[in-house]
C-alpha atoms as a PDB file:
ATOM      1  CA  MET A   1       3.585  -8.063 -16.248  1.00  0.00           C
ATOM      2  CA  ASN A   2       2.871  -4.418 -15.358  1.00  0.00           C
ATOM      3  CA  GLU A   3       5.106  -2.048 -12.928  1.00  0.00           C
ATOM      4  CA  PRO A   4       3.331   0.335 -10.565  1.00  0.00           C
ATOM      5  CA  LYS A   5       3.912   4.128 -11.990  1.00  0.00           C
ATOM      6  CA  ASN A   6       5.501   6.452  -9.990  1.00  0.00           C
ATOM      7  CA  ILE A   7       3.026   8.786  -8.572  1.00  0.00           C
ATOM      8  CA  SER A   8       2.624  11.553  -5.742  1.00  0.00           C
ATOM      9  CA  MET A   9      -0.877  12.893  -5.006  1.00  0.00           C
ATOM     10  CA  VAL A  10      -2.102  14.772  -1.914  1.00  0.00           C
ATOM     11  CA  VAL A  11      -5.502  12.617  -0.538  1.00  0.00           C
ATOM     12  CA  ASP A  12      -6.864  14.568   2.957  1.00  0.00           C
ATOM     13  CA  GLY A  13      -3.510  16.380   3.397  1.00  0.00           C
ATOM     14  CA  GLU A  14      -1.472  13.566   3.174  1.00  0.00           C
ATOM     15  CA  ARG A  15       0.969  12.888   0.533  1.00  0.00           C
ATOM     16  CA  TYR A  16       1.272   9.652  -1.210  1.00  0.00           C
ATOM     17  CA  ARG A  17       3.922   7.874  -3.302  1.00  0.00           C
ATOM     18  CA  THR A  18       4.537   5.287  -4.898  1.00  0.00           C
ATOM     19  CA  ASP A  19       7.967   5.157  -5.261  1.00  0.00           C
ATOM     20  CA  THR A  20       8.887   5.531  -1.134  1.00  0.00           C
ATOM     21  CA  SER A  21       6.237   3.334  -0.103  1.00  0.00           C
ATOM     22  CA  TYR A  22       6.127  -0.720   0.139  1.00  0.00           C
ATOM     23  CA  LEU A  23       4.375  -2.675  -2.388  1.00  0.00           C
ATOM     24  CA  LEU A  24       2.951  -5.047  -0.660  1.00  0.00           C
ATOM     25  CA  ALA A  25       0.258  -7.387  -3.616  1.00  0.00           C
ATOM     26  CA  SER A  26      -0.585  -6.662  -7.067  1.00  0.00           C
ATOM     27  CA  ASP A  27      -2.439  -8.343  -9.541  1.00  0.00           C
ATOM     28  CA  GLU A  28       0.792  -7.705 -11.891  1.00  0.00           C
ATOM     29  CA  LYS A  29      -1.403  -5.831 -14.239  1.00  0.00           C
ATOM     30  CA  SER A  30      -3.126  -2.587 -12.767  1.00  0.00           C
ATOM     31  CA  THR A  31      -3.774  -2.853  -9.515  1.00  0.00           C
ATOM     32  CA  PHE A  32      -1.071  -2.077  -6.690  1.00  0.00           C
ATOM     33  CA  LEU A  33      -0.984  -2.103  -2.785  1.00  0.00           C
ATOM     34  CA  PHE A  34       0.916  -0.269  -1.054  1.00  0.00           C
ATOM     35  CA  ARG A  35       2.016   0.713   2.518  1.00  0.00           C
ATOM     36  CA  ALA A  36       2.969   4.332   3.389  1.00  0.00           C
ATOM     37  CA  SER A  37       6.039   5.207   5.412  1.00  0.00           C
ATOM     38  CA  ASN A  38       3.373   7.030   7.382  1.00  0.00           C
ATOM     39  CA  SER A  39       1.483   3.620   7.731  1.00  0.00           C
ATOM     40  CA  ASN A  40      -1.286   3.989   5.931  1.00  0.00           C
ATOM     41  CA  TYR A  41      -2.609   2.126   3.025  1.00  0.00           C
ATOM     42  CA  PHE A  42      -3.532   3.048  -0.121  1.00  0.00           C
ATOM     43  CA  VAL A  43      -3.778   1.137  -3.589  1.00  0.00           C
ATOM     44  CA  GLN A  44      -2.634   2.630  -7.471  1.00  0.00           C
ATOM     45  CA  ARG A  45      -5.407   1.671 -10.181  1.00  0.00           C
ATOM     46  CA  GLU A  46      -4.674   1.920 -13.538  1.00  0.00           C
ATOM     47  CA  SER A  47      -7.174   2.635 -15.840  1.00  0.00           C
ATOM     48  CA  GLY A  48      -7.729   5.573 -18.556  1.00  0.00           C
ATOM     49  CA  LYS A  49      -6.574   8.040 -15.520  1.00  0.00           C
ATOM     50  CA  ASP A  50      -4.154   6.719 -12.828  1.00  0.00           C
ATOM     51  CA  SER A  51      -5.506   7.218  -9.520  1.00  0.00           C
ATOM     52  CA  LEU A  52      -4.355   6.333  -5.954  1.00  0.00           C
ATOM     53  CA  GLU A  53      -6.893   6.034  -3.097  1.00  0.00           C
ATOM     54  CA  VAL A  54      -6.494   5.667   0.580  1.00  0.00           C
ATOM     55  CA  LEU A  55      -7.681   2.708   2.035  1.00  0.00           C
ATOM     56  CA  SER A  56      -8.671   1.704   5.823  1.00  0.00           C
ATOM     57  CA  PRO A  57      -6.283  -0.916   7.519  1.00  0.00           C
ATOM     58  CA  LEU A  58      -9.460  -3.149   7.080  1.00  0.00           C
ATOM     59  CA  ASP A  59      -9.860  -2.732   3.644  1.00  0.00           C
ATOM     60  CA  ALA A  60      -6.553  -2.991   2.852  1.00  0.00           C
ATOM     61  CA  GLU A  61      -6.314  -5.972   4.370  1.00  0.00           C
ATOM     62  CA  LYS A  62      -9.211  -7.460   2.562  1.00  0.00           C
ATOM     63  CA  LEU A  63      -7.495  -6.064  -0.998  1.00  0.00           C
ATOM     64  CA  TYR A  64      -4.371  -8.037  -0.170  1.00  0.00           C
ATOM     65  CA  LYS A  65      -5.790 -11.211   0.581  1.00  0.00           C
ATOM     66  CA  GLU A  66      -7.648 -10.926  -2.858  1.00  0.00           C
ATOM     67  CA  LEU A  67      -4.787 -10.204  -5.124  1.00  0.00           C
ATOM     68  CA  PRO A  68      -2.485 -12.770  -6.430  1.00  0.00           C
ATOM     69  CA  LYS A  69       1.262 -11.609  -6.211  1.00  0.00           C
ATOM     70  CA  LYS A  70       2.497 -10.934  -2.777  1.00  0.00           C
ATOM     71  CA  SER A  71       5.459  -8.868  -2.287  1.00  0.00           C
ATOM     72  CA  GLN A  72       5.574  -8.872   1.690  1.00  0.00           C
ATOM     73  CA  GLY A  73       4.062 -11.340   4.117  1.00  0.00           C
ATOM     74  CA  LEU A  74       0.960 -10.924   5.950  1.00  0.00           C
ATOM     75  CA  VAL A  75       2.528  -9.899   9.342  1.00  0.00           C
ATOM     76  CA  ALA A  76       4.969  -7.513   7.527  1.00  0.00           C
ATOM     77  CA  SER A  77       2.301  -6.189   5.859  1.00  0.00           C
ATOM     78  CA  PHE A  78      -0.139  -5.458   8.187  1.00  0.00           C
ATOM     79  CA  PRO A  79       1.903  -5.337  11.713  1.00  0.00           C
ATOM     80  CA  ARG A  80      -1.202  -3.782  14.073  1.00  0.00           C
ATOM     81  CA  ASN A  81      -3.302  -6.505  12.980  1.00  0.00           C
ATOM     82  CA  HIS A  82      -1.481  -9.667  13.416  1.00  0.00           C
ATOM     83  CA  GLY A  83       1.631  -8.831  16.011  1.00  0.00           C
ATOM     84  CA  GLY A  84       4.293  -8.141  14.161  1.00  0.00           C
ATOM     85  CA  ILE A  85       6.958  -5.858  14.085  1.00  0.00           C
ATOM     86  CA  GLY A  86       6.499  -4.318  10.340  1.00  0.00           C
ATOM     87  CA  MET A  87       8.678  -3.029   7.715  1.00  0.00           C
ATOM     88  CA  ASP A  88      10.894  -1.265   9.293  1.00  0.00           C
ATOM     89  CA  THR A  89       9.264   1.910   8.830  1.00  0.00           C
ATOM     90  CA  SER A  90       9.182   3.816  12.357  1.00  0.00           C
ATOM     91  CA  THR A  91       8.678   7.501  11.720  1.00  0.00           C
ATOM     92  CA  SER A  92       7.314  10.167  13.874  1.00  0.00           C
ATOM     93  CA  TYR A  93       3.511   9.306  12.689  1.00  0.00           C
ATOM     94  CA  ASP A  94       3.706   5.665  14.061  1.00  0.00           C
ATOM     95  CA  ASP A  95       2.073   5.366  17.416  1.00  0.00           C
END
């Protein structure tokens, strides 16, 4: 089983860091879905070149359902879509 790498990257003016984000799901090999502290979603893919890709909540939930290893439950991962309270991630960025 592979672990996600510590990556920090700026995408569209927002910094995304795997070490301060919640791991939601993975394939335990090369794809790791995260929820950032600002409640944005992103995926880390390990290939020839490690990358982070920001996802919409809809695309993130679709990927979450496809990935076999869940690290968080559906409601905790997508509280706005499923009426949950979230994963204790209240920040100045949350609505």
